Amino acid sequence: MTDLFDGGQLDLFAPERGSRGAPLRHDPELVSLASRVPSRVHLGTSSWTFPGWRGRVYRRSYRDKKDFTKTSLSEYAAYPLFRTVGIDRSYYAPLTRDELRGYGEQLPDDFACVMKVPSEITTRVFPQHPSQGARAGQVNTGFLDVARFRDQVAQPILDAFLPHQGPLVLSIPPGPGGVNPRGFADAVGRFLRDAPTELSYAFELRDARLFTDRYLDTLRDHGATHALNFWQRMPTLGEQLQRGALLPGPVVVRLMLPPGQRYADLKEAFAPFDRLVAPQQGMRDDVARIIAQTEDLNQPLFIIANNKAEGCSPLTLEAIAAAVFKDSPQTR
């Protein structure tokens, strides 16, 4: 595999080089498969800056890691199957207007992103970790603070990124100690009552104790959705479906981490994320069910895959698309 960062040479494949954001030549079978995926189904990965995807998603060369991180989104968006991407770095700090404009300039018009809301807003109780200092284990007084959300997250998006903004994901991490499911559902309702209506919201739970009927009813009442997630501490996607997790509106599915696995262990085992290591057939079958069940209402569907789900998220999405759409008529 050729090194992604090739000194000063910008492009190892000069004959294929096009203008910024122009599509490169890809495998005709992949292009044909992508043409069979309905426009309402948006496939993409959880972040995109993985040098191990060299030769599959990435063909150009980049001066260095900084250049790759800053400019590779345009090449990612040219990959035939991808019509969305999970912007994960926003979980660690809000993105500025300039950062959002920089992303938008690299994207085609019909490309909508799934962005995570910062953890400072979605964390209920700060982790028991030395990095948290004096607040470790303490309740977050800024949890689902809608004023902070408006100022730090919503307004920059409305000003600089709205044409490319898909559902915003509020990922609720597990916290130490007990939980108050009723109080949590009420906090979700208060947030959604005052959140900007120009944006759409999907809540992702990492603690099954919060996954209650009251929570789902609250989302439904406010026009928000539950992000169905393949995650170690949550019921399976199929079980979430059975419990009524598929709500009206844009649907988000996040394929993250198999049951019983640790993120750090799989990150080490699966790197550099260039091949499927541990296919999850049950997960794929559940995703196919979600695709079928959202078809009747023509719901927008955003399927985001992480490398830690099976080893290589582009290949995970290709396998799902082939299983569901290979024999469908071309749609685009």
Protein backbone atom coordinates (compact mmCIF):
# COMPACT_ATOMS: atom_id res chain seq x y z
CA MET A 1 0.00 0.00 0.00
CA THR A 2 1.45 3.39 -1.02
CA ASP A 3 2.05 5.91 1.74
CA LEU A 4 -0.81 8.40 1.88
CA PHE A 5 1.51 11.24 2.76
CA ASP A 6 3.96 11.55 -0.11
CA GLY A 7 6.22 14.45 0.70
CA GLY A 8 5.61 17.33 -1.66
CA GLN A 9 3.88 15.31 -4.37
CA LEU A 10 0.21 16.18 -4.26
CA ASP A 11 -1.14 13.39 -6.43
CA LEU A 12 0.30 9.97 -7.20
CA PHE A 13 -2.44 9.36 -9.76
CA ALA A 14 -2.12 12.41 -11.97
CA PRO A 15 -4.20 11.00 -14.86
CA GLU A 16 -7.19 10.76 -12.51
CA ARG A 17 -6.72 14.14 -10.94
CA GLY A 18 -9.65 16.52 -11.28
CA SER A 19 -10.79 19.85 -9.89
CA ARG A 20 -11.47 20.15 -6.17
CA GLY A 21 -14.27 17.78 -5.20
CA ALA A 22 -14.49 16.26 -8.71
CA PRO A 23 -15.23 12.53 -8.64
CA LEU A 24 -12.38 10.15 -9.47
CA ARG A 25 -12.78 6.90 -11.41
CA HIS A 26 -14.01 4.08 -9.21
CA ASP A 27 -14.80 0.41 -9.69
CA PRO A 28 -17.78 0.25 -12.09
CA GLU A 29 -19.46 -2.38 -9.89
CA LEU A 30 -19.26 -0.05 -6.91
CA VAL A 31 -20.65 2.82 -8.97
CA SER A 32 -23.49 0.59 -10.17
CA LEU A 33 -24.27 -0.53 -6.61
CA ALA A 34 -24.30 3.08 -5.40
CA SER A 35 -26.73 4.01 -8.17
CA ARG A 36 -29.21 1.49 -6.72
CA VAL A 37 -29.28 3.02 -3.25
CA PRO A 38 -32.38 5.25 -2.95
CA SER A 39 -31.74 8.94 -2.46
CA ARG A 40 -33.41 8.85 0.96
CA VAL A 41 -30.73 6.43 2.25
CA HIS A 42 -27.53 8.19 3.27
CA LEU A 43 -24.55 5.91 3.90
CA GLY A 44 -21.41 7.19 5.58
CA THR A 45 -18.73 6.57 8.16
CA SER A 46 -17.99 7.75 11.67
CA SER A 47 -15.32 10.33 10.85
CA TRP A 48 -13.20 10.00 7.71
CA THR A 49 -9.48 10.67 8.31
CA PHE A 50 -8.13 7.12 8.21
CA PRO A 51 -4.94 6.59 6.16
CA GLY A 52 -5.71 2.85 6.09
CA TRP A 53 -8.42 3.59 3.54
CA ARG A 54 -5.71 4.41 1.02
CA GLY A 55 -6.46 2.65 -2.28
CA ARG A 56 -10.14 2.34 -1.46
CA VAL A 57 -11.52 5.75 -0.51
CA TYR A 58 -8.34 7.79 -0.94
CA ARG A 59 -6.14 7.86 -4.03
CA ARG A 60 -4.58 11.29 -3.94
CA SER A 61 -1.50 12.08 -1.91
CA TYR A 62 -1.37 14.69 0.81
CA ARG A 63 1.59 16.74 1.98
CA ASP A 64 1.24 15.67 5.61
CA LYS A 65 -1.29 14.65 8.24
CA LYS A 66 -2.48 18.23 8.71
CA ASP A 67 -3.18 18.61 5.00
CA PHE A 68 -4.99 15.26 4.96
CA THR A 69 -7.18 16.18 7.92
CA LYS A 70 -8.06 19.57 6.48
CA THR A 71 -8.71 18.72 2.83
CA SER A 72 -9.60 15.02 2.46
CA LEU A 73 -13.35 15.48 2.99
CA SER A 74 -13.80 16.40 -0.68
CA GLU A 75 -12.26 13.11 -1.79
CA TYR A 76 -14.30 11.22 0.80
CA ALA A 77 -17.50 12.80 -0.55
CA ALA A 78 -16.58 11.65 -4.07
CA TYR A 79 -16.66 7.98 -3.03
CA PRO A 80 -19.75 6.55 -4.79
CA LEU A 81 -21.50 5.03 -1.74
CA PHE A 82 -21.05 7.98 0.59
CA ARG A 83 -23.83 10.55 0.92
CA THR A 84 -23.21 11.49 4.54
CA VAL A 85 -20.46 11.48 7.16
CA GLY A 86 -20.42 11.47 10.93
CA ILE A 87 -18.63 14.57 12.22
CA ASP A 88 -17.32 13.27 15.53
CA ARG A 89 -14.74 15.88 16.52
CA SER A 90 -17.59 18.24 17.43
CA TYR A 91 -18.21 15.95 20.43
CA TYR A 92 -15.01 17.21 22.04
CA ALA A 93 -15.47 20.91 21.31
CA PRO A 94 -17.93 23.04 19.31
CA LEU A 95 -16.91 23.78 15.73
CA THR A 96 -16.42 27.39 14.70
CA ARG A 97 -18.14 29.05 11.78
CA ASP A 98 -14.88 29.05 9.83
CA GLU A 99 -14.40 25.32 10.43
CA LEU A 100 -17.95 24.61 9.30
CA ARG A 101 -17.53 26.75 6.18
CA GLY A 102 -14.33 24.86 5.41
CA TYR A 103 -16.22 21.58 5.51
CA GLY A 104 -19.11 22.93 3.46
CA GLU A 105 -16.79 24.11 0.71
CA GLN A 106 -15.64 20.52 0.20
CA LEU A 107 -19.10 18.98 -0.11
CA PRO A 108 -21.53 18.56 -3.01
CA ASP A 109 -24.93 20.21 -2.70
CA ASP A 110 -26.88 17.07 -1.73
CA PHE A 111 -24.46 15.91 0.98
CA ALA A 112 -25.82 16.15 4.56
CA CYS A 113 -23.70 15.46 7.65
CA VAL A 114 -24.57 13.84 10.97
CA MET A 115 -22.86 15.94 13.64
CA LYS A 116 -22.40 15.11 17.31
CA VAL A 117 -23.28 17.71 19.94
CA PRO A 118 -20.41 18.46 22.38
CA SER A 119 -20.07 16.23 25.40
CA GLU A 120 -20.10 19.27 27.70
CA ILE A 121 -23.80 19.51 26.83
CA THR A 122 -24.71 15.80 26.63
CA THR A 123 -22.86 14.42 29.67
CA ARG A 124 -25.11 13.89 32.73
CA VAL A 125 -22.37 12.99 35.20
CA PHE A 126 -18.68 13.60 34.57
CA PRO A 127 -16.59 10.41 34.43
CA GLN A 128 -14.52 9.26 37.37
CA HIS A 129 -11.26 10.00 35.61
CA PRO A 130 -8.21 12.09 36.58
CA SER A 131 -8.67 14.18 33.42
CA GLN A 132 -11.89 15.58 34.89
CA GLY A 133 -10.16 17.07 37.90
CA ALA A 134 -12.39 18.27 40.72
CA ARG A 135 -15.57 17.67 38.74
CA ALA A 136 -14.97 13.91 38.35
CA GLY A 137 -18.12 12.06 39.38
CA GLN A 138 -20.07 15.30 39.72
CA VAL A 139 -23.44 16.08 38.12
CA ASN A 140 -23.07 18.33 35.06
CA THR A 141 -25.06 21.50 35.76
CA GLY A 142 -24.86 22.31 32.05
CA PHE A 143 -26.52 19.05 30.96
CA LEU A 144 -28.83 19.77 28.00
CA ASP A 145 -28.43 23.51 28.55
CA VAL A 146 -30.40 24.82 25.59
CA ALA A 147 -29.02 28.37 25.84
CA ARG A 148 -25.47 27.06 25.62
CA PHE A 149 -26.50 24.78 22.76
CA ARG A 150 -28.01 27.69 20.84
CA ASP A 151 -24.91 29.84 21.24
CA GLN A 152 -22.15 27.28 20.75
CA VAL A 153 -23.71 24.77 18.34
CA ALA A 154 -26.94 25.82 16.65
CA GLN A 155 -26.14 29.39 15.66
CA PRO A 156 -22.81 28.59 13.95
CA ILE A 157 -24.58 25.84 12.00
CA LEU A 158 -27.44 28.13 11.01
CA ASP A 159 -24.97 30.80 9.94
CA ALA A 160 -22.44 28.68 8.08
CA PHE A 161 -23.50 25.06 7.49
CA LEU A 162 -27.29 24.67 7.30
CA PRO A 163 -27.40 23.33 3.67
CA HIS A 164 -25.19 20.42 4.74
CA GLN A 165 -26.59 19.74 8.20
CA GLY A 166 -28.45 16.49 8.73
CA PRO A 167 -29.65 15.29 12.14
CA LEU A 168 -27.69 16.45 15.17
CA VAL A 169 -26.83 13.52 17.44
CA LEU A 170 -26.95 14.04 21.18
CA SER A 171 -24.96 11.07 22.46
CA ILE A 172 -25.66 10.49 26.16
CA PRO A 173 -22.69 8.66 27.70
CA PRO A 174 -23.11 6.33 30.67
CA GLY A 175 -22.36 7.84 34.04
CA PRO A 176 -21.37 6.44 37.42
CA GLY A 177 -24.02 5.49 39.94
CA GLY A 178 -27.77 5.26 39.56
CA VAL A 179 -30.02 6.94 37.02
CA ASN A 180 -33.38 8.71 37.06
CA PRO A 181 -35.08 7.67 33.81
CA ARG A 182 -38.13 9.88 34.41
CA GLY A 183 -36.00 12.93 35.19
CA PHE A 184 -33.88 12.24 32.12
CA ALA A 185 -36.91 12.04 29.82
CA ASP A 186 -38.21 15.31 31.26
CA ALA A 187 -34.83 16.98 30.66
CA VAL A 188 -34.94 15.81 27.04
CA GLY A 189 -38.41 17.33 26.72
CA ARG A 190 -37.30 20.69 28.12
CA PHE A 191 -34.37 20.79 25.72
CA LEU A 192 -36.46 19.96 22.67
CA ARG A 193 -39.17 22.44 23.65
CA ASP A 194 -36.74 25.35 23.29
CA ALA A 195 -34.23 24.03 20.73
CA PRO A 196 -34.22 25.71 17.27
CA THR A 197 -36.83 24.12 15.05
CA GLU A 198 -34.72 24.65 11.92
CA LEU A 199 -32.59 21.68 12.99
CA SER A 200 -33.44 18.00 13.57
CA TYR A 201 -32.36 16.00 16.61
CA ALA A 202 -31.58 12.35 17.34
CA PHE A 203 -30.74 11.17 20.85
CA GLU A 204 -28.29 8.30 21.20
CA LEU A 205 -28.23 6.42 24.51
CA ARG A 206 -25.25 4.52 25.88
CA ASP A 207 -27.13 3.38 29.02
CA ALA A 208 -30.04 0.98 28.49
CA ARG A 209 -31.64 2.10 31.77
CA LEU A 210 -32.61 5.39 30.11
CA PHE A 211 -34.33 3.65 27.19
CA THR A 212 -37.93 3.87 28.42
CA ASP A 213 -41.38 4.40 26.94
CA ARG A 214 -41.46 7.85 28.53
CA TYR A 215 -38.24 8.76 26.73
CA LEU A 216 -39.58 7.56 23.37
CA ASP A 217 -42.90 9.33 23.91
CA THR A 218 -41.03 12.56 24.70
CA LEU A 219 -39.06 12.34 21.47
CA ARG A 220 -42.22 11.64 19.48
CA ASP A 221 -44.08 14.56 21.07
CA HIS A 222 -41.33 16.97 20.04
CA GLY A 223 -40.58 15.63 16.55
CA ALA A 224 -37.18 14.19 17.48
CA THR A 225 -35.92 10.64 16.97
CA HIS A 226 -33.98 7.94 18.75
CA ALA A 227 -30.63 7.09 17.15
CA LEU A 228 -30.65 3.32 16.88
CA ASN A 229 -27.18 2.18 17.88
CA PHE A 230 -25.13 -0.98 17.71
CA TRP A 231 -23.29 -0.48 20.98
CA GLN A 232 -21.93 -2.78 23.65
CA ARG A 233 -24.22 -1.65 26.49
CA MET A 234 -27.44 -1.25 24.53
CA PRO A 235 -30.07 -3.75 23.36
CA THR A 236 -29.51 -4.98 19.82
CA LEU A 237 -30.84 -2.95 16.92
CA GLY A 238 -33.60 -5.52 16.50
CA GLU A 239 -34.60 -5.24 20.16
CA GLN A 240 -34.66 -1.46 19.91
CA LEU A 241 -36.98 -1.80 16.92
CA GLN A 242 -39.29 -4.13 18.83
CA ARG A 243 -39.56 -1.59 21.63
CA GLY A 244 -40.80 1.15 19.30
CA ALA A 245 -37.56 3.03 18.71
CA LEU A 246 -38.37 3.81 15.07
CA LEU A 247 -40.06 7.21 15.27
CA PRO A 248 -41.34 9.55 12.54
CA GLY A 249 -38.75 11.85 11.06
CA PRO A 250 -35.13 11.46 9.88
CA VAL A 251 -33.76 8.17 11.23
CA VAL A 252 -30.15 7.77 12.39
CA VAL A 253 -28.48 4.37 12.74
CA ARG A 254 -25.00 4.23 14.27
CA LEU A 255 -22.99 1.02 13.97
CA MET A 256 -20.34 1.36 16.63
CA LEU A 257 -19.20 -1.50 18.85
CA PRO A 258 -20.24 -5.17 19.21
CA PRO A 259 -21.63 -6.40 22.54
CA GLY A 260 -19.04 -7.40 25.11
CA GLN A 261 -16.20 -5.55 23.35
CA ARG A 262 -14.05 -2.62 24.46
CA TYR A 263 -13.42 0.29 22.11
CA ALA A 264 -9.70 0.48 22.87
CA ASP A 265 -9.21 -3.26 22.32
CA LEU A 266 -10.87 -3.23 18.91
CA LYS A 267 -9.07 -0.06 17.87
CA GLU A 268 -5.79 -1.86 18.40
CA ALA A 269 -6.95 -5.16 16.90
CA PHE A 270 -8.58 -3.71 13.78
CA ALA A 271 -6.08 -0.98 12.83
CA PRO A 272 -5.36 0.24 10.17
CA PHE A 273 -9.04 -0.46 9.32
CA ASP A 274 -8.40 -1.69 5.79
CA ARG A 275 -10.27 -5.02 5.94
CA LEU A 276 -13.25 -6.72 7.53
CA VAL A 277 -12.08 -8.61 10.60
CA ALA A 278 -15.24 -9.63 12.46
CA PRO A 279 -18.41 -9.39 10.32
CA GLN A 280 -21.59 -8.96 12.36
CA GLN A 281 -24.34 -10.70 10.40
CA GLY A 282 -27.00 -10.06 13.02
CA MET A 283 -26.23 -6.35 12.91
CA ARG A 284 -26.44 -6.33 9.11
CA ASP A 285 -29.78 -8.18 9.17
CA ASP A 286 -31.17 -5.64 11.63
CA VAL A 287 -30.04 -2.74 9.41
CA ALA A 288 -31.80 -4.37 6.46
CA ARG A 289 -34.99 -4.48 8.56
CA ILE A 290 -34.64 -0.80 9.41
CA ILE A 291 -34.19 0.07 5.74
CA ALA A 292 -37.34 -1.88 4.87
CA GLN A 293 -39.43 -0.43 7.70
CA THR A 294 -38.52 3.17 6.85
CA GLU A 295 -39.37 2.68 3.19
CA ASP A 296 -43.15 2.84 3.64
CA LEU A 297 -43.01 6.38 5.07
CA ASN A 298 -40.15 7.39 2.76
CA GLN A 299 -38.15 8.45 5.83
CA PRO A 300 -34.67 9.92 5.38
CA LEU A 301 -32.25 7.35 6.77
CA PHE A 302 -28.67 8.06 7.85
CA ILE A 303 -26.54 4.95 8.43
CA ILE A 304 -23.20 5.73 10.04
CA ALA A 305 -20.62 2.94 10.42
CA ASN A 306 -17.57 2.93 12.68
CA ASN A 307 -14.42 0.95 11.95
CA LYS A 308 -14.81 -0.80 15.30
CA ALA A 309 -18.07 -2.45 14.23
CA GLU A 310 -16.41 -4.93 11.86
CA GLY A 311 -12.92 -3.64 11.04
CA CYS A 312 -13.44 -1.36 8.01
CA SER A 313 -16.50 0.86 7.82
CA PRO A 314 -16.48 1.42 4.02
CA LEU A 315 -16.59 -2.35 3.56
CA THR A 316 -19.33 -2.69 6.18
CA LEU A 317 -21.49 -0.23 4.23
CA GLU A 318 -20.68 -1.90 0.92
CA ALA A 319 -21.78 -5.27 2.33
CA ILE A 320 -25.04 -3.81 3.64
CA ALA A 321 -25.77 -2.04 0.35
CA ALA A 322 -25.03 -5.20 -1.65
CA ALA A 323 -27.31 -7.31 0.54
CA VAL A 324 -30.24 -4.88 0.28
CA PHE A 325 -29.92 -3.08 -3.06
CA LYS A 326 -27.81 -5.21 -5.43
CA ASP A 327 -30.85 -6.35 -7.44
CA SER A 328 -32.76 -3.06 -7.21
CA PRO A 329 -33.24 -0.82 -10.26
CA GLN A 330 -30.88 2.10 -10.67
CA THR A 331 -32.19 5.26 -9.00
CA ARG A 332 -29.48 7.77 -9.93
